[in-house]
Structures are given as C-alpha cells and as structure tokens.
Amino acid sequence: MDTFEALSDPTRRQVLDLLSRQPRAAGELGRAFPSTSQPGMSRHLRILREAGLVHVRKQDRHRVYALRWEGLAPVDAWLSKYRNFWEAELDSLEAFLDSGKADPKSRQARSRRP
C-alpha cells in the first residue's frame, strides 16, 4: 500500500496525529480509539508500517510506534507543486497591491474625476 492509500483512512490519519506528538504503545493507541477493535487497530498499524509512515520497536512486552517523518516525503513532494503555484499567485497579488491599483482611496479619487 502506498502513502496516499494509507492516509486515505481517517483513523490512520488520527493515529499519525497522535504519534506526531510522541511515540505510543500499541495498547495506548487502541485505547484512544474505543470504537475500533484490537484486530482493526492492528491492521491500521500494519498498513501504516508497510507504507513507511511509522516504525515499531519492542520495549519489554510492548510494541511502541513512532512516526517516520521521512515517510511523509511523497506527500510533501505532491504538495510542493501546489505550494509553488500559490507562491506565484501570492507574489502577483503582492505586486498588484504594491502598485497602488488596489488602494481604495485611489479608486475613489479616480471615480470622482470628471
């Protein structure tokens, strides 16, 4: 499963939100989603792990999951196209505003001219 498929599920996105704050044990993650069964949570965690979004380590008898920031690189690459678009649009807006053409006072003054 690829990154975007893994992120398509709202529960998995919420798991990543929790892991963005700190690593958590599988049981703790399961308790955070009481409507999700233990097998269901295990499946979500497996999908996130296979997509490279989390890694797991054993600590005593627990499995502790942590976010893999580098796993989000495909999302960042996809978003960069849109970031570039919006930066160019905002630069154009800034130039327009700096030119004074958008100044309401200058518009009023122009409209009063005979």
PDB file of N, CA and C in Angstrom:
ATOM      1  N   MET A   1       0.851  -1.183   0.000  1.00  0.00           N
ATOM      2  CA  MET A   1       0.000   0.000   0.000  1.00  0.00           C
ATOM      3  C   MET A   1       0.891   1.237   0.000  1.00  0.00           C
ATOM      4  N   ASP A   2       0.508   2.216  -0.815  1.00  0.00           N
ATOM      5  CA  ASP A   2       1.332   3.420  -0.877  1.00  0.00           C
ATOM      6  C   ASP A   2       0.894   4.424   0.197  1.00  0.00           C
ATOM      7  N   THR A   3       1.646   5.491   0.299  1.00  0.00           N
ATOM      8  CA  THR A   3       1.440   6.506   1.326  1.00  0.00           C
ATOM      9  C   THR A   3       0.039   7.094   1.259  1.00  0.00           C
ATOM     10  N   PHE A   4      -0.419   7.437   0.062  1.00  0.00           N
ATOM     11  CA  PHE A   4      -1.712   8.093  -0.081  1.00  0.00           C
ATOM     12  C   PHE A   4      -2.867   7.154   0.263  1.00  0.00           C
ATOM     13  N   GLU A   5      -2.742   5.891  -0.096  1.00  0.00           N
ATOM     14  CA  GLU A   5      -3.769   4.922   0.294  1.00  0.00           C
ATOM     15  C   GLU A   5      -3.812   4.789   1.816  1.00  0.00           C
ATOM     16  N   ALA A   6      -2.641   4.738   2.436  1.00  0.00           N
ATOM     17  CA  ALA A   6      -2.593   4.619   3.892  1.00  0.00           C
ATOM     18  C   ALA A   6      -3.227   5.833   4.556  1.00  0.00           C
ATOM     19  N   LEU A   7      -3.018   7.008   3.973  1.00  0.00           N
ATOM     20  CA  LEU A   7      -3.553   8.243   4.545  1.00  0.00           C
ATOM     21  C   LEU A   7      -5.032   8.457   4.222  1.00  0.00           C
ATOM     22  N   SER A   8      -5.591   7.635   3.358  1.00  0.00           N
ATOM     23  CA  SER A   8      -6.987   7.834   2.963  1.00  0.00           C
ATOM     24  C   SER A   8      -7.966   7.508   4.089  1.00  0.00           C
ATOM     25  N   ASP A   9      -7.523   6.772   5.080  1.00  0.00           N
ATOM     26  CA  ASP A   9      -8.412   6.390   6.172  1.00  0.00           C
ATOM     27  C   ASP A   9      -8.320   7.397   7.326  1.00  0.00           C
ATOM     28  N   PRO A  10      -9.447   7.919   7.804  1.00  0.00           N
ATOM     29  CA  PRO A  10      -9.407   8.923   8.879  1.00  0.00           C
ATOM     30  C   PRO A  10      -8.815   8.401  10.188  1.00  0.00           C
ATOM     31  N   THR A  11      -9.029   7.137  10.493  1.00  0.00           N
ATOM     32  CA  THR A  11      -8.446   6.586  11.731  1.00  0.00           C
ATOM     33  C   THR A  11      -6.933   6.582  11.639  1.00  0.00           C
ATOM     34  N   ARG A  12      -6.396   6.196  10.495  1.00  0.00           N
ATOM     35  CA  ARG A  12      -4.943   6.176  10.348  1.00  0.00           C
ATOM     36  C   ARG A  12      -4.370   7.586  10.415  1.00  0.00           C
ATOM     37  N   ARG A  13      -5.073   8.567   9.850  1.00  0.00           N
ATOM     38  CA  ARG A  13      -4.609   9.957   9.971  1.00  0.00           C
ATOM     39  C   ARG A  13      -4.617  10.406  11.430  1.00  0.00           C
ATOM     40  N   GLN A  14      -5.622  10.002  12.186  1.00  0.00           N
ATOM     41  CA  GLN A  14      -5.675  10.357  13.600  1.00  0.00           C
ATOM     42  C   GLN A  14      -4.556   9.673  14.381  1.00  0.00           C
ATOM     43  N   VAL A  15      -4.234   8.441  14.025  1.00  0.00           N
ATOM     44  CA  VAL A  15      -3.107   7.741  14.664  1.00  0.00           C
ATOM     45  C   VAL A  15      -1.823   8.528  14.419  1.00  0.00           C
ATOM     46  N   LEU A  16      -1.620   8.972  13.184  1.00  0.00           N
ATOM     47  CA  LEU A  16      -0.419   9.759  12.878  1.00  0.00           C
ATOM     48  C   LEU A  16      -0.406  11.067  13.653  1.00  0.00           C
ATOM     49  N   ASP A  17      -1.574  11.689  13.828  1.00  0.00           N
ATOM     50  CA  ASP A  17      -1.642  12.911  14.641  1.00  0.00           C
ATOM     51  C   ASP A  17      -1.168  12.639  16.066  1.00  0.00           C
ATOM     52  N   LEU A  18      -1.615  11.540  16.636  1.00  0.00           N
ATOM     53  CA  LEU A  18      -1.171  11.182  17.994  1.00  0.00           C
ATOM     54  C   LEU A  18       0.331  10.916  18.036  1.00  0.00           C
ATOM     55  N   LEU A  19       0.820  10.203  17.029  1.00  0.00           N
ATOM     56  CA  LEU A  19       2.243   9.869  17.005  1.00  0.00           C
ATOM     57  C   LEU A  19       3.119  11.080  16.692  1.00  0.00           C
ATOM     58  N   SER A  20       2.538  12.118  16.116  1.00  0.00           N
ATOM     59  CA  SER A  20       3.331  13.318  15.836  1.00  0.00           C
ATOM     60  C   SER A  20       3.743  14.017  17.126  1.00  0.00           C
ATOM     61  N   ARG A  21       3.021  13.739  18.195  1.00  0.00           N
ATOM     62  CA  ARG A  21       3.339  14.348  19.495  1.00  0.00           C
ATOM     63  C   ARG A  21       4.354  13.534  20.279  1.00  0.00           C
ATOM     64  N   GLN A  22       4.214  12.199  20.193  1.00  0.00           N
ATOM     65  CA  GLN A  22       5.156  11.321  20.909  1.00  0.00           C
ATOM     66  C   GLN A  22       4.906   9.873  20.500  1.00  0.00           C
ATOM     67  N   PRO A  23       5.923   9.026  20.619  1.00  0.00           N
ATOM     68  CA  PRO A  23       5.715   7.592  20.362  1.00  0.00           C
ATOM     69  C   PRO A  23       4.718   7.027  21.381  1.00  0.00           C
ATOM     70  N   ARG A  24       3.991   6.004  20.964  1.00  0.00           N
ATOM     71  CA  ARG A  24       2.976   5.416  21.841  1.00  0.00           C
ATOM     72  C   ARG A  24       2.952   3.901  21.664  1.00  0.00           C
ATOM     73  N   ALA A  25       2.615   3.222  22.740  1.00  0.00           N
ATOM     74  CA  ALA A  25       2.464   1.770  22.703  1.00  0.00           C
ATOM     75  C   ALA A  25       1.191   1.421  21.937  1.00  0.00           C
ATOM     76  N   ALA A  26       1.187   0.251  21.341  1.00  0.00           N
ATOM     77  CA  ALA A  26       0.025  -0.196  20.563  1.00  0.00           C
ATOM     78  C   ALA A  26      -1.232  -0.191  21.424  1.00  0.00           C
ATOM     79  N   GLY A  27      -1.135  -0.637  22.658  1.00  0.00           N
ATOM     80  CA  GLY A  27      -2.296  -0.655  23.545  1.00  0.00           C
ATOM     81  C   GLY A  27      -2.838   0.733  23.809  1.00  0.00           C
ATOM     82  N   GLU A  28      -1.954   1.701  23.979  1.00  0.00           N
ATOM     83  CA  GLU A  28      -2.369   3.089  24.188  1.00  0.00           C
ATOM     84  C   GLU A  28      -3.099   3.623  22.958  1.00  0.00           C
ATOM     85  N   LEU A  29      -2.588   3.290  21.784  1.00  0.00           N
ATOM     86  CA  LEU A  29      -3.259   3.714  20.555  1.00  0.00           C
ATOM     87  C   LEU A  29      -4.640   3.063  20.449  1.00  0.00           C
ATOM     88  N   GLY A  30      -4.722   1.792  20.813  1.00  0.00           N
ATOM     89  CA  GLY A  30      -6.006   1.097  20.778  1.00  0.00           C
ATOM     90  C   GLY A  30      -7.019   1.735  21.712  1.00  0.00           C
ATOM     91  N   ARG A  31      -6.574   2.133  22.888  1.00  0.00           N
ATOM     92  CA  ARG A  31      -7.484   2.767  23.854  1.00  0.00           C
ATOM     93  C   ARG A  31      -7.948   4.144  23.381  1.00  0.00           C
ATOM     94  N   ALA A  32      -7.158   4.782  22.557  1.00  0.00           N
ATOM     95  CA  ALA A  32      -7.533   6.098  22.032  1.00  0.00           C
ATOM     96  C   ALA A  32      -8.673   5.997  21.012  1.00  0.00           C
ATOM     97  N   PHE A  33      -8.951   4.790  20.531  1.00  0.00           N
ATOM     98  CA  PHE A  33      -9.998   4.561  19.532  1.00  0.00           C
ATOM     99  C   PHE A  33     -10.911   3.435  20.030  1.00  0.00           C
ATOM    100  N   PRO A  34     -11.763   3.729  21.013  1.00  0.00           N
ATOM    101  CA  PRO A  34     -12.570   2.670  21.626  1.00  0.00           C
ATOM    102  C   PRO A  34     -13.541   1.984  20.655  1.00  0.00           C
ATOM    103  N   SER A  35     -13.913   2.649  19.585  1.00  0.00           N
ATOM    104  CA  SER A  35     -14.839   2.020  18.633  1.00  0.00           C
ATOM    105  C   SER A  35     -14.117   1.105  17.641  1.00  0.00           C
ATOM    106  N   THR A  36     -12.790   1.075  17.697  1.00  0.00           N
ATOM    107  CA  THR A  36     -12.005   0.220  16.809  1.00  0.00           C
ATOM    108  C   THR A  36     -11.567  -1.018  17.578  1.00  0.00           C
ATOM    109  N   SER A  37     -11.820  -2.175  17.022  1.00  0.00           N
ATOM    110  CA  SER A  37     -11.430  -3.427  17.680  1.00  0.00           C
ATOM    111  C   SER A  37      -9.907  -3.564  17.696  1.00  0.00           C
ATOM    112  N   GLN A  38      -9.414  -4.450  18.549  1.00  0.00           N
ATOM    113  CA  GLN A  38      -7.961  -4.685  18.613  1.00  0.00           C
ATOM    114  C   GLN A  38      -7.440  -5.206  17.273  1.00  0.00           C
ATOM    115  N   PRO A  39      -8.135  -6.170  16.626  1.00  0.00           N
ATOM    116  CA  PRO A  39      -7.662  -6.595  15.298  1.00  0.00           C
ATOM    117  C   PRO A  39      -7.709  -5.454  14.270  1.00  0.00           C
ATOM    118  N   GLY A  40      -8.725  -4.599  14.381  1.00  0.00           N
ATOM    119  CA  GLY A  40      -8.819  -3.461  13.464  1.00  0.00           C
ATOM    120  C   GLY A  40      -7.669  -2.489  13.656  1.00  0.00           C
ATOM    121  N   MET A  41      -7.323  -2.205  14.915  1.00  0.00           N
ATOM    122  CA  MET A  41      -6.195  -1.301  15.185  1.00  0.00           C
ATOM    123  C   MET A  41      -4.889  -1.938  14.719  1.00  0.00           C
ATOM    124  N   SER A  42      -4.740  -3.219  14.934  1.00  0.00           N
ATOM    125  CA  SER A  42      -3.533  -3.910  14.460  1.00  0.00           C
ATOM    126  C   SER A  42      -3.397  -3.780  12.949  1.00  0.00           C
ATOM    127  N   ARG A  43      -4.520  -3.887  12.244  1.00  0.00           N
ATOM    128  CA  ARG A  43      -4.498  -3.749  10.784  1.00  0.00           C
ATOM    129  C   ARG A  43      -4.090  -2.326  10.393  1.00  0.00           C
ATOM    130  N   HIS A  44      -4.646  -1.319  11.058  1.00  0.00           N
ATOM    131  CA  HIS A  44      -4.273   0.066  10.765  1.00  0.00           C
ATOM    132  C   HIS A  44      -2.770   0.273  10.983  1.00  0.00           C
ATOM    133  N   LEU A  45      -2.261  -0.239  12.090  1.00  0.00           N
ATOM    134  CA  LEU A  45      -0.837  -0.065  12.402  1.00  0.00           C
ATOM    135  C   LEU A  45       0.048  -0.802  11.400  1.00  0.00           C
ATOM    136  N   ARG A  46      -0.402  -1.976  10.963  1.00  0.00           N
ATOM    137  CA  ARG A  46       0.355  -2.725   9.959  1.00  0.00           C
ATOM    138  C   ARG A  46       0.407  -1.952   8.648  1.00  0.00           C
ATOM    139  N   ILE A  47      -0.716  -1.386   8.241  1.00  0.00           N
ATOM    140  CA  ILE A  47      -0.763  -0.610   6.999  1.00  0.00           C
ATOM    141  C   ILE A  47       0.157   0.603   7.092  1.00  0.00           C
ATOM    142  N   LEU A  48       0.111   1.312   8.218  1.00  0.00           N
ATOM    143  CA  LEU A  48       0.996   2.473   8.399  1.00  0.00           C
ATOM    144  C   LEU A  48       2.463   2.059   8.365  1.00  0.00           C
ATOM    145  N   ARG A  49       2.769   0.914   8.964  1.00  0.00           N
ATOM    146  CA  ARG A  49       4.155   0.424   8.971  1.00  0.00           C
ATOM    147  C   ARG A  49       4.597   0.037   7.566  1.00  0.00           C
ATOM    148  N   GLU A  50       3.752  -0.696   6.841  1.00  0.00           N
ATOM    149  CA  GLU A  50       4.097  -1.124   5.482  1.00  0.00           C
ATOM    150  C   GLU A  50       4.222   0.061   4.526  1.00  0.00           C
ATOM    151  N   ALA A  51       3.486   1.138   4.788  1.00  0.00           N
ATOM    152  CA  ALA A  51       3.574   2.337   3.954  1.00  0.00           C
ATOM    153  C   ALA A  51       4.782   3.193   4.328  1.00  0.00           C
ATOM    154  N   GLY A  52       5.507   2.809   5.378  1.00  0.00           N
ATOM    155  CA  GLY A  52       6.697   3.548   5.792  1.00  0.00           C
ATOM    156  C   GLY A  52       6.392   4.799   6.590  1.00  0.00           C
ATOM    157  N   LEU A  53       5.171   4.894   7.134  1.00  0.00           N
ATOM    158  CA  LEU A  53       4.785   6.080   7.892  1.00  0.00           C
ATOM    159  C   LEU A  53       5.094   5.974   9.383  1.00  0.00           C
ATOM    160  N   VAL A  54       5.246   4.757   9.872  1.00  0.00           N
ATOM    161  CA  VAL A  54       5.606   4.554  11.281  1.00  0.00           C
ATOM    162  C   VAL A  54       6.660   3.456  11.360  1.00  0.00           C
ATOM    163  N   HIS A  55       7.372   3.447  12.462  1.00  0.00           N
ATOM    164  CA  HIS A  55       8.220   2.294  12.749  1.00  0.00           C
ATOM    165  C   HIS A  55       7.884   1.815  14.148  1.00  0.00           C
ATOM    166  N   VAL A  56       8.202   0.572  14.395  1.00  0.00           N
ATOM    167  CA  VAL A  56       7.847  -0.052  15.666  1.00  0.00           C
ATOM    168  C   VAL A  56       9.100  -0.618  16.310  1.00  0.00           C
ATOM    169  N   ARG A  57       9.156  -0.512  17.610  1.00  0.00           N
ATOM    170  CA  ARG A  57      10.246  -1.141  18.361  1.00  0.00           C
ATOM    171  C   ARG A  57       9.642  -1.854  19.548  1.00  0.00           C
ATOM    172  N   LYS A  58      10.299  -2.919  19.937  1.00  0.00           N
ATOM    173  CA  LYS A  58       9.831  -3.655  21.111  1.00  0.00           C
ATOM    174  C   LYS A  58      10.457  -3.045  22.350  1.00  0.00           C
ATOM    175  N   GLN A  59       9.621  -2.825  23.337  1.00  0.00           N
ATOM    176  CA  GLN A  59      10.088  -2.319  24.629  1.00  0.00           C
ATOM    177  C   GLN A  59       9.418  -3.182  25.684  1.00  0.00           C
ATOM    178  N   ASP A  60      10.210  -4.054  26.303  1.00  0.00           N
ATOM    179  CA  ASP A  60       9.677  -5.066  27.218  1.00  0.00           C
ATOM    180  C   ASP A  60       8.657  -5.908  26.449  1.00  0.00           C
ATOM    181  N   ARG A  61       7.428  -5.931  26.935  1.00  0.00           N
ATOM    182  CA  ARG A  61       6.400  -6.728  26.259  1.00  0.00           C
ATOM    183  C   ARG A  61       5.537  -5.882  25.327  1.00  0.00           C
ATOM    184  N   HIS A  62       5.889  -4.643  25.140  1.00  0.00           N
ATOM    185  CA  HIS A  62       5.073  -3.728  24.353  1.00  0.00           C
ATOM    186  C   HIS A  62       5.710  -3.433  22.998  1.00  0.00           C
ATOM    187  N   ARG A  63       4.853  -3.084  22.067  1.00  0.00           N
ATOM    188  CA  ARG A  63       5.308  -2.570  20.780  1.00  0.00           C
ATOM    189  C   ARG A  63       5.032  -1.078  20.789  1.00  0.00           C
ATOM    190  N   VAL A  64       6.092  -0.301  20.604  1.00  0.00           N
ATOM    191  CA  VAL A  64       5.975   1.157  20.640  1.00  0.00           C
ATOM    192  C   VAL A  64       6.105   1.678  19.210  1.00  0.00           C
ATOM    193  N   TYR A  65       5.111   2.463  18.811  1.00  0.00           N
ATOM    194  CA  TYR A  65       5.074   3.015  17.463  1.00  0.00           C
ATOM    195  C   TYR A  65       5.496   4.472  17.499  1.00  0.00           C
ATOM    196  N   ALA A  66       6.220   4.870  16.465  1.00  0.00           N
ATOM    197  CA  ALA A  66       6.670   6.259  16.333  1.00  0.00           C
ATOM    198  C   ALA A  66       6.500   6.671  14.869  1.00  0.00           C
ATOM    199  N   LEU A  67       6.249   7.941  14.683  1.00  0.00           N
ATOM    200  CA  LEU A  67       6.088   8.496  13.341  1.00  0.00           C
ATOM    201  C   LEU A  67       7.431   8.512  12.619  1.00  0.00           C
ATOM    202  N   ARG A  68       7.421   8.158  11.348  1.00  0.00           N
ATOM    203  CA  ARG A  68       8.600   8.281  10.484  1.00  0.00           C
ATOM    204  C   ARG A  68       8.343   9.487   9.584  1.00  0.00           C
ATOM    205  N   TRP A  69       8.935  10.609   9.948  1.00  0.00           N
ATOM    206  CA  TRP A  69       8.718  11.846   9.188  1.00  0.00           C
ATOM    207  C   TRP A  69       9.096  11.672   7.727  1.00  0.00           C
ATOM    208  N   GLU A  70      10.148  10.915   7.463  1.00  0.00           N
ATOM    209  CA  GLU A  70      10.579  10.722   6.078  1.00  0.00           C
ATOM    210  C   GLU A  70       9.527   9.954   5.270  1.00  0.00           C
ATOM    211  N   GLY A  71       8.651   9.240   5.951  1.00  0.00           N
ATOM    212  CA  GLY A  71       7.568   8.541   5.258  1.00  0.00           C
ATOM    213  C   GLY A  71       6.566   9.489   4.625  1.00  0.00           C
ATOM    214  N   LEU A  72       6.556  10.723   5.090  1.00  0.00           N
ATOM    215  CA  LEU A  72       5.647  11.722   4.541  1.00  0.00           C
ATOM    216  C   LEU A  72       6.240  12.465   3.336  1.00  0.00           C
ATOM    217  N   ALA A  73       7.441  12.094   2.915  1.00  0.00           N
ATOM    218  CA  ALA A  73       8.104  12.757   1.785  1.00  0.00           C
ATOM    219  C   ALA A  73       7.262  12.735   0.503  1.00  0.00           C
ATOM    220  N   PRO A  74       6.587  11.623   0.174  1.00  0.00           N
ATOM    221  CA  PRO A  74       5.760  11.650  -1.042  1.00  0.00           C
ATOM    222  C   PRO A  74       4.637  12.696  -0.957  1.00  0.00           C
ATOM    223  N   VAL A  75       4.088  12.888   0.205  1.00  0.00           N
ATOM    224  CA  VAL A  75       3.030  13.889   0.380  1.00  0.00           C
ATOM    225  C   VAL A  75       3.619  15.286   0.209  1.00  0.00           C
ATOM    226  N   ASP A  76       4.772  15.503   0.794  1.00  0.00           N
ATOM    227  CA  ASP A  76       5.432  16.801   0.678  1.00  0.00           C
ATOM    228  C   ASP A  76       5.771  17.100  -0.784  1.00  0.00           C
ATOM    229  N   ALA A  77       6.247  16.091  -1.507  1.00  0.00           N
ATOM    230  CA  ALA A  77       6.588  16.280  -2.919  1.00  0.00           C
ATOM    231  C   ALA A  77       5.338  16.624  -3.732  1.00  0.00           C
ATOM    232  N   TRP A  78       4.242  15.958  -3.446  1.00  0.00           N
ATOM    233  CA  TRP A  78       2.996  16.227  -4.157  1.00  0.00           C
ATOM    234  C   TRP A  78       2.504  17.640  -3.839  1.00  0.00           C
ATOM    235  N   LEU A  79       2.562  18.030  -2.575  1.00  0.00           N
ATOM    236  CA  LEU A  79       2.102  19.356  -2.172  1.00  0.00           C
ATOM    237  C   LEU A  79       2.996  20.477  -2.706  1.00  0.00           C
ATOM    238  N   SER A  80       4.261  20.180  -2.971  1.00  0.00           N
ATOM    239  CA  SER A  80       5.183  21.228  -3.419  1.00  0.00           C
ATOM    240  C   SER A  80       4.725  21.862  -4.722  1.00  0.00           C
ATOM    241  N   LYS A  81       4.084  21.082  -5.596  1.00  0.00           N
ATOM    242  CA  LYS A  81       3.560  21.645  -6.846  1.00  0.00           C
ATOM    243  C   LYS A  81       2.548  22.738  -6.543  1.00  0.00           C
ATOM    244  N   TYR A  82       1.728  22.502  -5.562  1.00  0.00           N
ATOM    245  CA  TYR A  82       0.687  23.462  -5.211  1.00  0.00           C
ATOM    246  C   TYR A  82       1.258  24.635  -4.425  1.00  0.00           C
ATOM    247  N   ARG A  83       2.274  24.359  -3.627  1.00  0.00           N
ATOM    248  CA  ARG A  83       2.950  25.446  -2.914  1.00  0.00           C
ATOM    249  C   ARG A  83       3.547  26.422  -3.912  1.00  0.00           C
ATOM    250  N   ASN A  84       4.201  25.905  -4.947  1.00  0.00           N
ATOM    251  CA  ASN A  84       4.800  26.759  -5.979  1.00  0.00           C
ATOM    252  C   ASN A  84       3.734  27.595  -6.669  1.00  0.00           C
ATOM    253  N   PHE A  85       2.602  26.993  -6.969  1.00  0.00           N
ATOM    254  CA  PHE A  85       1.509  27.721  -7.610  1.00  0.00           C
ATOM    255  C   PHE A  85       1.048  28.862  -6.716  1.00  0.00           C
ATOM    256  N   TRP A  86       0.809  28.567  -5.427  1.00  0.00           N
ATOM    257  CA  TRP A  86       0.293  29.604  -4.538  1.00  0.00           C
ATOM    258  C   TRP A  86       1.320  30.679  -4.254  1.00  0.00           C
ATOM    259  N   GLU A  87       2.587  30.319  -4.203  1.00  0.00           N
ATOM    260  CA  GLU A  87       3.621  31.341  -4.016  1.00  0.00           C
ATOM    261  C   GLU A  87       3.612  32.321  -5.187  1.00  0.00           C
ATOM    262  N   ALA A  88       3.488  31.800  -6.407  1.00  0.00           N
ATOM    263  CA  ALA A  88       3.452  32.671  -7.587  1.00  0.00           C
ATOM    264  C   ALA A  88       2.201  33.544  -7.558  1.00  0.00           C
ATOM    265  N   GLU A  89       1.069  32.972  -7.183  1.00  0.00           N
ATOM    266  CA  GLU A  89      -0.169  33.750  -7.111  1.00  0.00           C
ATOM    267  C   GLU A  89      -0.070  34.839  -6.047  1.00  0.00           C
ATOM    268  N   LEU A  90       0.495  34.491  -4.909  1.00  0.00           N
ATOM    269  CA  LEU A  90       0.625  35.476  -3.836  1.00  0.00           C
ATOM    270  C   LEU A  90       1.635  36.560  -4.205  1.00  0.00           C
ATOM    271  N   ASP A  91       2.692  36.197  -4.929  1.00  0.00           N
ATOM    272  CA  ASP A  91       3.643  37.204  -5.408  1.00  0.00           C
ATOM    273  C   ASP A  91       2.953  38.182  -6.362  1.00  0.00           C
ATOM    274  N   SER A  92       2.080  37.662  -7.225  1.00  0.00           N
ATOM    275  CA  SER A  92       1.335  38.527  -8.145  1.00  0.00           C
ATOM    276  C   SER A  92       0.400  39.451  -7.381  1.00  0.00           C
ATOM    277  N   LEU A  93      -0.254  38.921  -6.381  1.00  0.00           N
ATOM    278  CA  LEU A  93      -1.141  39.738  -5.557  1.00  0.00           C
ATOM    279  C   LEU A  93      -0.362  40.828  -4.835  1.00  0.00           C
ATOM    280  N   GLU A  94       0.785  40.458  -4.307  1.00  0.00           N
ATOM    281  CA  GLU A  94       1.619  41.443  -3.610  1.00  0.00           C
ATOM    282  C   GLU A  94       2.041  42.568  -4.564  1.00  0.00           C
ATOM    283  N   ALA A  95       2.451  42.209  -5.768  1.00  0.00           N
ATOM    284  CA  ALA A  95       2.856  43.220  -6.749  1.00  0.00           C
ATOM    285  C   ALA A  95       1.674  44.128  -7.101  1.00  0.00           C
ATOM    286  N   PHE A  96       0.500  43.536  -7.241  1.00  0.00           N
ATOM    287  CA  PHE A  96      -0.696  44.320  -7.543  1.00  0.00           C
ATOM    288  C   PHE A  96      -1.008  45.287  -6.404  1.00  0.00           C
ATOM    289  N   LEU A  97      -0.939  44.788  -5.179  1.00  0.00           N
ATOM    290  CA  LEU A  97      -1.233  45.649  -4.030  1.00  0.00           C
ATOM    291  C   LEU A  97      -0.186  46.745  -3.875  1.00  0.00           C
ATOM    292  N   ASP A  98       1.076  46.405  -4.124  1.00  0.00           N
ATOM    293  CA  ASP A  98       2.151  47.396  -4.029  1.00  0.00           C
ATOM    294  C   ASP A  98       2.049  48.468  -5.115  1.00  0.00           C
ATOM    295  N   SER A  99       1.424  48.132  -6.225  1.00  0.00           N
ATOM    296  CA  SER A  99       1.321  49.097  -7.331  1.00  0.00           C
ATOM    297  C   SER A  99       0.337  50.221  -7.028  1.00  0.00           C
ATOM    298  N   GLY A 100      -0.482  50.046  -6.002  1.00  0.00           N
ATOM    299  CA  GLY A 100      -1.453  51.064  -5.638  1.00  0.00           C
ATOM    300  C   GLY A 100      -2.765  50.952  -6.391  1.00  0.00           C
ATOM    301  N   LYS A 101      -2.839  50.045  -7.342  1.00  0.00           N
ATOM    302  CA  LYS A 101      -4.070  49.890  -8.121  1.00  0.00           C
ATOM    303  C   LYS A 101      -5.203  49.351  -7.257  1.00  0.00           C
ATOM    304  N   ALA A 102      -4.864  48.706  -6.181  1.00  0.00           N
ATOM    305  CA  ALA A 102      -5.891  48.134  -5.323  1.00  0.00           C
ATOM    306  C   ALA A 102      -6.241  49.049  -4.164  1.00  0.00           C
ATOM    307  N   ASP A 103      -5.615  50.229  -4.092  1.00  0.00           N
ATOM    308  CA  ASP A 103      -5.847  51.167  -2.989  1.00  0.00           C
ATOM    309  C   ASP A 103      -7.240  51.773  -3.125  1.00  0.00           C
ATOM    310  N   PRO A 104      -8.129  51.529  -2.156  1.00  0.00           N
ATOM    311  CA  PRO A 104      -9.489  52.053  -2.256  1.00  0.00           C
ATOM    312  C   PRO A 104      -9.520  53.571  -2.372  1.00  0.00           C
ATOM    313  N   LYS A 105      -8.584  54.287  -1.736  1.00  0.00           N
ATOM    314  CA  LYS A 105      -8.567  55.748  -1.806  1.00  0.00           C
ATOM    315  C   LYS A 105      -8.276  56.205  -3.233  1.00  0.00           C
ATOM    316  N   SER A 106      -7.329  55.529  -3.894  1.00  0.00           N
ATOM    317  CA  SER A 106      -7.016  55.933  -5.263  1.00  0.00           C
ATOM    318  C   SER A 106      -8.173  55.604  -6.192  1.00  0.00           C
ATOM    319  N   ARG A 107      -8.935  54.525  -5.911  1.00  0.00           N
ATOM    320  CA  ARG A 107     -10.101  54.186  -6.706  1.00  0.00           C
ATOM    321  C   ARG A 107     -11.185  55.254  -6.543  1.00  0.00           C
ATOM    322  N   GLN A 108     -11.380  55.698  -5.319  1.00  0.00           N
ATOM    323  CA  GLN A 108     -12.376  56.750  -5.075  1.00  0.00           C
ATOM    324  C   GLN A 108     -11.984  58.042  -5.763  1.00  0.00           C
ATOM    325  N   ALA A 109     -10.711  58.389  -5.690  1.00  0.00           N
ATOM    326  CA  ALA A 109     -10.233  59.621  -6.320  1.00  0.00           C
ATOM    327  C   ALA A 109     -10.435  59.536  -7.828  1.00  0.00           C
ATOM    328  N   ARG A 110     -10.162  58.380  -8.442  1.00  0.00           N
ATOM    329  CA  ARG A 110     -10.339  58.215  -9.880  1.00  0.00           C
ATOM    330  C   ARG A 110     -11.815  58.302 -10.263  1.00  0.00           C
ATOM    331  N   SER A 111     -12.698  57.776  -9.411  1.00  0.00           N
ATOM    332  CA  SER A 111     -14.122  57.787  -9.748  1.00  0.00           C
ATOM    333  C   SER A 111     -14.728  59.174  -9.631  1.00  0.00           C
ATOM    334  N   ARG A 112     -14.109  60.077  -8.886  1.00  0.00           N
ATOM    335  CA  ARG A 112     -14.618  61.450  -8.746  1.00  0.00           C
ATOM    336  C   ARG A 112     -14.181  62.354  -9.889  1.00  0.00           C
ATOM    337  N   ARG A 113     -13.206  61.936 -10.658  1.00  0.00           N
ATOM    338  CA  ARG A 113     -12.720  62.752 -11.763  1.00  0.00           C
ATOM    339  C   ARG A 113     -13.830  62.915 -12.802  1.00  0.00           C
ATOM    340  N   PRO A 114     -13.914  64.143 -13.384  1.00  0.00           N
ATOM    341  CA  PRO A 114     -14.928  64.375 -14.419  1.00  0.00           C
ATOM    342  C   PRO A 114     -14.624  63.643 -15.703  1.00  0.00           C
TER     343      PRO A 114
END
